[in-house]
C-alpha atoms as a PDB file:
ATOM      1  CA  MET A   1      28.061  19.846  84.673  1.00  0.00           C
ATOM      2  CA  GLY A   2      24.414  20.718  85.244  1.00  0.00           C
ATOM      3  CA  PHE A   3      22.163  19.834  88.141  1.00  0.00           C
ATOM      4  CA  SER A   4      20.730  16.926  86.141  1.00  0.00           C
ATOM      5  CA  ASP A   5      24.090  15.191  86.719  1.00  0.00           C
ATOM      6  CA  VAL A   6      24.077  15.664  90.488  1.00  0.00           C
ATOM      7  CA  THR A   7      22.171  13.763  93.157  1.00  0.00           C
ATOM      8  CA  LEU A   8      20.954  16.235  95.789  1.00  0.00           C
ATOM      9  CA  LEU A   9      20.268  14.779  99.200  1.00  0.00           C
ATOM     10  CA  ALA A  10      18.619  17.194 101.602  1.00  0.00           C
ATOM     11  CA  THR A  11      17.843  17.187 105.282  1.00  0.00           C
ATOM     12  CA  VAL A  12      14.908  19.519 105.865  1.00  0.00           C
ATOM     13  CA  ARG A  13      13.996  20.913 109.269  1.00  0.00           C
ATOM     14  CA  ASN A  14      10.515  22.176 110.058  1.00  0.00           C
ATOM     15  CA  ALA A  15      11.481  25.706 111.071  1.00  0.00           C
ATOM     16  CA  ARG A  16       8.389  26.153 113.248  1.00  0.00           C
ATOM     17  CA  THR A  17       9.278  23.442 115.756  1.00  0.00           C
ATOM     18  CA  VAL A  18      11.435  23.969 118.820  1.00  0.00           C
ATOM     19  CA  ASN A  19      12.586  20.357 118.915  1.00  0.00           C
ATOM     20  CA  PRO A  20      13.278  19.794 115.208  1.00  0.00           C
ATOM     21  CA  LYS A  21      12.284  16.468 113.735  1.00  0.00           C
ATOM     22  CA  ILE A  22      14.848  15.708 111.080  1.00  0.00           C
ATOM     23  CA  ALA A  23      13.598  14.169 107.867  1.00  0.00           C
ATOM     24  CA  VAL A  24      15.779  12.993 105.007  1.00  0.00           C
ATOM     25  CA  ALA A  25      14.458  13.488 101.496  1.00  0.00           C
ATOM     26  CA  GLU A  26      16.092  12.452  98.268  1.00  0.00           C
ATOM     27  CA  VAL A  27      15.664  15.056  95.595  1.00  0.00           C
ATOM     28  CA  ARG A  28      16.793  14.846  92.007  1.00  0.00           C
ATOM     29  CA  ALA A  29      18.095  18.327  91.372  1.00  0.00           C
ATOM     30  CA  THR A  30      17.453  19.929  87.993  1.00  0.00           C
ATOM     31  CA  ARG A  31      18.998  22.696  85.977  1.00  0.00           C
ATOM     32  CA  PRO A  32      19.232  26.112  87.692  1.00  0.00           C
ATOM     33  CA  ASP A  33      17.202  27.572  84.808  1.00  0.00           C
ATOM     34  CA  MET A  34      14.339  25.102  85.203  1.00  0.00           C
ATOM     35  CA  PRO A  35      11.038  26.737  84.105  1.00  0.00           C
ATOM     36  CA  ASP A  36       8.447  27.517  86.763  1.00  0.00           C
ATOM     37  CA  ALA A  37       6.061  24.952  85.306  1.00  0.00           C
ATOM     38  CA  ALA A  38       8.623  22.210  85.769  1.00  0.00           C
ATOM     39  CA  VAL A  39       9.380  23.363  89.309  1.00  0.00           C
ATOM     40  CA  ASN A  40       5.663  23.198  90.118  1.00  0.00           C
ATOM     41  CA  GLN A  41       5.448  19.722  88.628  1.00  0.00           C
ATOM     42  CA  TYR A  42       8.332  18.534  90.800  1.00  0.00           C
ATOM     43  CA  SER A  43       6.691  20.087  93.854  1.00  0.00           C
ATOM     44  CA  GLN A  44       3.400  18.312  93.132  1.00  0.00           C
ATOM     45  CA  GLN A  45       5.296  15.034  92.879  1.00  0.00           C
ATOM     46  CA  GLY A  46       6.466  15.434  96.453  1.00  0.00           C
ATOM     47  CA  ARG A  47       9.842  16.940  95.789  1.00  0.00           C
ATOM     48  CA  ILE A  48      11.135  20.086  97.476  1.00  0.00           C
ATOM     49  CA  SER A  49      10.991  23.449  95.724  1.00  0.00           C
ATOM     50  CA  VAL A  50      13.097  26.366  96.923  1.00  0.00           C
ATOM     51  CA  ASP A  51      12.551  30.067  96.282  1.00  0.00           C
ATOM     52  CA  VAL A  52      15.886  31.149  94.819  1.00  0.00           C
ATOM     53  CA  ASN A  53      15.173  34.817  94.170  1.00  0.00           C
ATOM     54  CA  CYS A  54      15.497  37.591  96.746  1.00  0.00           C
ATOM     55  CA  PRO A  55      13.232  40.641  96.598  1.00  0.00           C
ATOM     56  CA  ILE A  56      14.706  43.522  94.610  1.00  0.00           C
ATOM     57  CA  SER A  57      14.463  45.719  97.696  1.00  0.00           C
ATOM     58  CA  LEU A  58      16.723  43.484  99.783  1.00  0.00           C
ATOM     59  CA  ASP A  59      20.093  45.087 100.543  1.00  0.00           C
ATOM     60  CA  THR A  60      22.246  42.007  99.995  1.00  0.00           C
ATOM     61  CA  GLU A  61      25.507  43.678 101.008  1.00  0.00           C
ATOM     62  CA  LYS A  62      23.974  44.746 104.306  1.00  0.00           C
ATOM     63  CA  LEU A  63      22.632  41.217 104.789  1.00  0.00           C
ATOM     64  CA  ARG A  64      26.077  39.695 104.250  1.00  0.00           C
ATOM     65  CA  ALA A  65      27.604  42.173 106.697  1.00  0.00           C
ATOM     66  CA  GLU A  66      24.969  41.396 109.349  1.00  0.00           C
ATOM     67  CA  VAL A  67      25.375  37.635 108.947  1.00  0.00           C
ATOM     68  CA  SER A  68      29.159  37.921 109.116  1.00  0.00           C
ATOM     69  CA  LEU A  69      28.926  40.064 112.249  1.00  0.00           C
ATOM     70  CA  ILE A  70      26.681  37.567 114.023  1.00  0.00           C
ATOM     71  CA  TYR A  71      28.911  34.599 113.262  1.00  0.00           C
ATOM     72  CA  SER A  72      32.027  36.539 114.202  1.00  0.00           C
ATOM     73  CA  ARG A  73      30.421  36.864 117.622  1.00  0.00           C
ATOM     74  CA  VAL A  74      29.609  33.149 117.682  1.00  0.00           C
ATOM     75  CA  ALA A  75      33.277  32.409 116.967  1.00  0.00           C
ATOM     76  CA  SER A  76      34.571  34.658 119.743  1.00  0.00           C
ATOM     77  CA  ASP A  77      31.786  34.145 122.297  1.00  0.00           C
ATOM     78  CA  PRO A  78      29.794  30.946 121.614  1.00  0.00           C
ATOM     79  CA  GLU A  79      28.091  31.209 125.010  1.00  0.00           C
ATOM     80  CA  GLY A  80      26.680  34.638 124.145  1.00  0.00           C
ATOM     81  CA  ASP A  81      23.045  35.547 123.603  1.00  0.00           C
ATOM     82  CA  PHE A  82      21.875  34.303 120.189  1.00  0.00           C
ATOM     83  CA  HIS A  83      18.510  33.279 118.762  1.00  0.00           C
ATOM     84  CA  PHE A  84      19.742  29.835 117.623  1.00  0.00           C
ATOM     85  CA  HIS A  85      20.999  26.717 119.384  1.00  0.00           C
ATOM     86  CA  ARG A  86      24.714  25.963 119.600  1.00  0.00           C
ATOM     87  CA  GLY A  87      27.196  23.483 120.974  1.00  0.00           C
ATOM     88  CA  PRO A  88      27.893  19.734 121.204  1.00  0.00           C
ATOM     89  CA  ASP A  89      25.012  18.885 123.556  1.00  0.00           C
ATOM     90  CA  TYR A  90      22.574  20.401 121.068  1.00  0.00           C
ATOM     91  CA  ALA A  91      24.269  18.569 118.178  1.00  0.00           C
ATOM     92  CA  ALA A  92      24.083  15.201 119.926  1.00  0.00           C
ATOM     93  CA  GLY A  93      20.725  15.598 121.646  1.00  0.00           C
ATOM     94  CA  PHE A  94      18.733  17.278 118.879  1.00  0.00           C
ATOM     95  CA  LEU A  95      20.498  16.407 115.637  1.00  0.00           C
ATOM     96  CA  GLY A  96      21.763  12.883 116.132  1.00  0.00           C
ATOM     97  CA  TYR A  97      25.518  13.401 116.144  1.00  0.00           C
ATOM     98  CA  ASP A  98      27.582  10.723 117.887  1.00  0.00           C
ATOM     99  CA  PRO A  99      28.665  12.266 121.217  1.00  0.00           C
ATOM    100  CA  ARG A 100      31.808  10.108 121.272  1.00  0.00           C
ATOM    101  CA  LYS A 101      32.949  11.556 117.950  1.00  0.00           C
ATOM    102  CA  LEU A 102      32.180  15.082 119.125  1.00  0.00           C
ATOM    103  CA  ALA A 103      34.191  14.530 122.319  1.00  0.00           C
ATOM    104  CA  ALA A 104      37.241  13.810 120.147  1.00  0.00           C
ATOM    105  CA  ILE A 105      37.002  17.239 118.471  1.00  0.00           C
ATOM    106  CA  PRO A 106      38.460  20.344 120.159  1.00  0.00           C
ATOM    107  CA  ALA A 107      35.897  22.262 122.183  1.00  0.00           C
ATOM    108  CA  ALA A 108      36.663  25.427 120.210  1.00  0.00           C
ATOM    109  CA  ALA A 109      34.990  23.805 117.204  1.00  0.00           C
ATOM    110  CA  THR A 110      32.043  22.136 118.870  1.00  0.00           C
ATOM    111  CA  ALA A 111      31.145  25.100 121.094  1.00  0.00           C
ATOM    112  CA  SER A 112      30.584  27.345 118.057  1.00  0.00           C
ATOM    113  CA  PHE A 113      28.585  24.755 116.127  1.00  0.00           C
ATOM    114  CA  ALA A 114      25.276  26.292 115.010  1.00  0.00           C
ATOM    115  CA  GLY A 115      23.991  23.895 112.368  1.00  0.00           C
ATOM    116  CA  VAL A 116      20.372  22.832 111.873  1.00  0.00           C
ATOM    117  CA  GLY A 117      20.788  19.178 110.915  1.00  0.00           C
ATOM    118  CA  ASN A 118      23.327  16.408 110.415  1.00  0.00           C
ATOM    119  CA  PRO A 119      24.621  16.126 106.852  1.00  0.00           C
ATOM    120  CA  HIS A 120      26.758  13.130 107.850  1.00  0.00           C
ATOM    121  CA  ALA A 121      23.568  11.132 108.457  1.00  0.00           C
ATOM    122  CA  ILE A 122      22.420  11.586 104.846  1.00  0.00           C
ATOM    123  CA  GLY A 123      24.993   9.434 103.094  1.00  0.00           C
ATOM    124  CA  PRO A 124      28.506   8.033 103.278  1.00  0.00           C
ATOM    125  CA  ILE A 125      31.777   9.897 102.873  1.00  0.00           C
ATOM    126  CA  HIS A 126      34.402   7.450 101.679  1.00  0.00           C
ATOM    127  CA  VAL A 127      38.102   7.131 102.385  1.00  0.00           C
ATOM    128  CA  GLY A 128      40.142   9.037  99.800  1.00  0.00           C
ATOM    129  CA  GLU A 129      37.379  11.374  98.680  1.00  0.00           C
ATOM    130  CA  LYS A 130      37.619  15.154  98.418  1.00  0.00           C
ATOM    131  CA  VAL A 131      34.955  16.938 100.472  1.00  0.00           C
ATOM    132  CA  LEU A 132      33.896  20.581 100.526  1.00  0.00           C
ATOM    133  CA  ASP A 133      32.081  22.089 103.516  1.00  0.00           C
ATOM    134  CA  ILE A 134      30.284  25.310 102.541  1.00  0.00           C
ATOM    135  CA  GLY A 135      29.988  27.607 105.530  1.00  0.00           C
ATOM    136  CA  CYS A 136      32.280  25.432 107.631  1.00  0.00           C
ATOM    137  CA  GLY A 137      32.188  27.733 110.659  1.00  0.00           C
ATOM    138  CA  ALA A 138      34.562  26.645 113.412  1.00  0.00           C
ATOM    139  CA  GLY A 139      35.020  23.303 111.708  1.00  0.00           C
ATOM    140  CA  MET A 140      33.002  20.619 113.488  1.00  0.00           C
ATOM    141  CA  ASP A 141      31.421  19.107 110.351  1.00  0.00           C
ATOM    142  CA  LEU A 142      34.662  19.716 108.458  1.00  0.00           C
ATOM    143  CA  ILE A 143      36.725  17.734 110.969  1.00  0.00           C
ATOM    144  CA  LEU A 144      34.225  14.877 110.956  1.00  0.00           C
ATOM    145  CA  ALA A 145      34.443  14.784 107.158  1.00  0.00           C
ATOM    146  CA  ALA A 146      38.254  14.894 107.284  1.00  0.00           C
ATOM    147  CA  LYS A 147      38.302  11.907 109.617  1.00  0.00           C
ATOM    148  CA  SER A 148      36.051  10.020 107.194  1.00  0.00           C
ATOM    149  CA  VAL A 149      38.248  10.618 104.129  1.00  0.00           C
ATOM    150  CA  GLY A 150      41.546  10.055 105.937  1.00  0.00           C
ATOM    151  CA  PRO A 151      44.981  11.262 104.824  1.00  0.00           C
ATOM    152  CA  SER A 152      44.496   9.865 101.310  1.00  0.00           C
ATOM    153  CA  GLY A 153      41.626  12.319 100.817  1.00  0.00           C
ATOM    154  CA  SER A 154      41.115  15.989 101.552  1.00  0.00           C
ATOM    155  CA  ALA A 155      38.601  18.216 103.272  1.00  0.00           C
ATOM    156  CA  ILE A 156      38.149  21.870 102.332  1.00  0.00           C
ATOM    157  CA  GLY A 157      36.153  24.331 104.380  1.00  0.00           C
ATOM    158  CA  VAL A 158      34.897  27.639 102.995  1.00  0.00           C
ATOM    159  CA  ASP A 159      33.482  30.383 105.196  1.00  0.00           C
ATOM    160  CA  MET A 160      32.728  34.076 104.671  1.00  0.00           C
ATOM    161  CA  THR A 161      33.605  34.992 108.266  1.00  0.00           C
ATOM    162  CA  ALA A 162      37.324  35.517 108.888  1.00  0.00           C
ATOM    163  CA  GLU A 163      37.013  34.692 112.589  1.00  0.00           C
ATOM    164  CA  MET A 164      35.366  31.360 111.836  1.00  0.00           C
ATOM    165  CA  CYS A 165      38.084  30.549 109.295  1.00  0.00           C
ATOM    166  CA  GLU A 166      40.788  31.167 111.885  1.00  0.00           C
ATOM    167  CA  ARG A 167      38.988  29.018 114.437  1.00  0.00           C
ATOM    168  CA  ALA A 168      38.606  26.180 111.916  1.00  0.00           C
ATOM    169  CA  ARG A 169      42.290  26.394 110.977  1.00  0.00           C
ATOM    170  CA  GLY A 170      43.232  26.224 114.634  1.00  0.00           C
ATOM    171  CA  THR A 171      41.022  23.176 115.073  1.00  0.00           C
ATOM    172  CA  ALA A 172      42.688  21.432 112.138  1.00  0.00           C
ATOM    173  CA  ARG A 173      46.160  22.182 113.541  1.00  0.00           C
ATOM    174  CA  GLU A 174      45.180  20.949 116.987  1.00  0.00           C
ATOM    175  CA  THR A 175      43.836  17.672 115.628  1.00  0.00           C
ATOM    176  CA  GLY A 176      46.841  17.149 113.337  1.00  0.00           C
ATOM    177  CA  LEU A 177      44.677  16.666 110.265  1.00  0.00           C
ATOM    178  CA  THR A 178      47.093  17.998 107.660  1.00  0.00           C
ATOM    179  CA  TRP A 179      44.727  17.190 104.795  1.00  0.00           C
ATOM    180  CA  VAL A 180      42.301  19.916 105.938  1.00  0.00           C
ATOM    181  CA  GLN A 181      42.250  23.297 104.195  1.00  0.00           C
ATOM    182  CA  VAL A 182      40.184  26.331 105.175  1.00  0.00           C
ATOM    183  CA  ARG A 183      39.545  29.060 102.621  1.00  0.00           C
ATOM    184  CA  HIS A 184      37.887  32.427 103.086  1.00  0.00           C
ATOM    185  CA  GLY A 185      35.107  32.708 100.535  1.00  0.00           C
ATOM    186  CA  ASP A 186      31.445  32.966  99.683  1.00  0.00           C
ATOM    187  CA  ALA A 187      28.879  30.348  98.678  1.00  0.00           C
ATOM    188  CA  GLU A 188      28.047  32.426  95.588  1.00  0.00           C
ATOM    189  CA  ALA A 189      31.682  32.355  94.369  1.00  0.00           C
ATOM    190  CA  LEU A 190      33.379  29.245  95.706  1.00  0.00           C
ATOM    191  CA  PRO A 191      37.214  29.415  95.642  1.00  0.00           C
ATOM    192  CA  LEU A 192      37.571  26.003  93.979  1.00  0.00           C
ATOM    193  CA  GLU A 193      38.176  24.691  90.486  1.00  0.00           C
ATOM    194  CA  ASP A 194      35.506  23.126  88.290  1.00  0.00           C
ATOM    195  CA  CYS A 195      34.740  19.430  88.856  1.00  0.00           C
ATOM    196  CA  SER A 196      37.153  19.231  91.772  1.00  0.00           C
ATOM    197  CA  VAL A 197      35.246  17.606  94.679  1.00  0.00           C
ATOM    198  CA  ASP A 198      33.376  14.361  95.271  1.00  0.00           C
ATOM    199  CA  VAL A 199      31.071  15.512  98.068  1.00  0.00           C
ATOM    200  CA  VAL A 200      29.692  18.882  99.156  1.00  0.00           C
ATOM    201  CA  ILE A 201      28.246  19.249 102.639  1.00  0.00           C
ATOM    202  CA  SER A 202      26.552  22.293 104.129  1.00  0.00           C
ATOM    203  CA  ASN A 203      24.658  22.825 107.364  1.00  0.00           C
ATOM    204  CA  GLY A 204      22.273  25.712 107.936  1.00  0.00           C
ATOM    205  CA  VAL A 205      24.063  28.066 105.557  1.00  0.00           C
ATOM    206  CA  LEU A 206      22.299  28.279 102.198  1.00  0.00           C
ATOM    207  CA  ASN A 207      19.114  29.683 103.750  1.00  0.00           C
ATOM    208  CA  LEU A 208      21.181  32.815 104.520  1.00  0.00           C
ATOM    209  CA  VAL A 209      22.564  33.168 100.979  1.00  0.00           C
ATOM    210  CA  PRO A 210      20.788  35.946  99.029  1.00  0.00           C
ATOM    211  CA  ASP A 211      21.217  34.408  95.558  1.00  0.00           C
ATOM    212  CA  LYS A 212      20.423  30.737  96.043  1.00  0.00           C
ATOM    213  CA  LYS A 213      20.311  30.001  92.318  1.00  0.00           C
ATOM    214  CA  ARG A 214      23.892  31.175  92.009  1.00  0.00           C
ATOM    215  CA  ALA A 215      24.931  29.202  95.101  1.00  0.00           C
ATOM    216  CA  TYR A 216      23.463  25.980  93.732  1.00  0.00           C
ATOM    217  CA  SER A 217      25.092  26.671  90.376  1.00  0.00           C
ATOM    218  CA  GLU A 218      28.430  26.981  92.164  1.00  0.00           C
ATOM    219  CA  ILE A 219      27.858  23.643  93.880  1.00  0.00           C
ATOM    220  CA  ALA A 220      27.115  22.022  90.525  1.00  0.00           C
ATOM    221  CA  ARG A 221      30.244  23.629  89.055  1.00  0.00           C
ATOM    222  CA  VAL A 222      32.675  22.266  91.650  1.00  0.00           C
ATOM    223  CA  LEU A 223      31.171  18.770  91.937  1.00  0.00           C
ATOM    224  CA  ARG A 224      32.630  16.028  89.803  1.00  0.00           C
ATOM    225  CA  PRO A 225      30.248  13.973  87.596  1.00  0.00           C
ATOM    226  CA  GLY A 226      28.291  11.734  89.931  1.00  0.00           C
ATOM    227  CA  GLY A 227      29.184  13.958  92.886  1.00  0.00           C
ATOM    228  CA  ARG A 228      26.977  14.179  95.950  1.00  0.00           C
ATOM    229  CA  LEU A 229      25.479  17.058  97.921  1.00  0.00           C
ATOM    230  CA  TYR A 230      24.556  16.387 101.563  1.00  0.00           C
ATOM    231  CA  LEU A 231      22.569  19.426 102.568  1.00  0.00           C
ATOM    232  CA  SER A 232      21.025  20.215 105.944  1.00  0.00           C
ATOM    233  CA  ASP A 233      19.019  23.413 106.032  1.00  0.00           C
ATOM    234  CA  ILE A 234      15.819  25.170 107.042  1.00  0.00           C
ATOM    235  CA  ALA A 235      12.665  25.218 104.934  1.00  0.00           C
ATOM    236  CA  VAL A 236       9.274  26.836 105.466  1.00  0.00           C
ATOM    237  CA  GLU A 237       5.971  25.312 104.433  1.00  0.00           C
ATOM    238  CA  THR A 238       4.365  28.508 103.148  1.00  0.00           C
ATOM    239  CA  GLU A 239       5.798  31.121 100.800  1.00  0.00           C
ATOM    240  CA  LEU A 240       6.725  34.380 102.517  1.00  0.00           C
ATOM    241  CA  ASP A 241       5.676  37.702 101.015  1.00  0.00           C
ATOM    242  CA  ASP A 242       8.205  40.288  99.881  1.00  0.00           C
ATOM    243  CA  SER A 243       7.796  42.493 102.947  1.00  0.00           C
ATOM    244  CA  ILE A 244       8.966  39.643 105.169  1.00  0.00           C
ATOM    245  CA  ARG A 245      11.715  38.482 102.810  1.00  0.00           C
ATOM    246  CA  SER A 246      13.050  42.044 102.559  1.00  0.00           C
ATOM    247  CA  ASP A 247      13.407  42.453 106.346  1.00  0.00           C
ATOM    248  CA  ILE A 248      17.068  41.829 107.206  1.00  0.00           C
ATOM    249  CA  ASP A 249      16.238  41.593 110.910  1.00  0.00           C
ATOM    250  CA  LEU A 250      14.092  38.558 110.131  1.00  0.00           C
ATOM    251  CA  TRP A 251      16.876  36.986 108.050  1.00  0.00           C
ATOM    252  CA  THR A 252      19.358  37.313 110.875  1.00  0.00           C
ATOM    253  CA  GLY A 253      16.971  36.857 113.839  1.00  0.00           C
END
């Protein structure tokens, strides 16, 4: 299945604002190998274009290690000193999550939440569906999705950080949601079969993936025909030069 078969729904945050104003944009995703001319045409028509190539000089293994280290710390010490917002008050006050639903989720999951938007506000998740959360972290979005699909469905979380995986598994056990699975893995090589999920959600993760073209190809691979992607992430309005995009400290804050 190619991107032409998938409806991509994206929540885009203006990265320059302190109090992010969430906008929902519907984008018809195209093939990963779309020519530059076609990408430019889509951009001129008001759609969102994403730079999918990292500079050659970027040490991607070092980047992955740095990102994993930061989110390991978020899992173990969510009240620590980080450059990004966290927690249920932030999720409800800034991103529009229902505080009553968050109160029903174990604090271990909500305290480590570090998303940038609310993928659940983009579109419905139906009872009985199979949902994948890429970069599930401690499991807040994953648990919300699991409650939407119910025991006749399933919710799978994938995260590259072992500590986050363990926290998400603990959250699932504590809530008794036996239809939740958490798998250790990477957005560029999802540990799922082809055409196996109805909905993919992700929240503030793909901006940290070095090879975005490969990550989007993986999403297209695992989605069933007619599947849906509810994506919340960060975008910038101007293209960054290679010196900035090669600076791992700027990637990780």
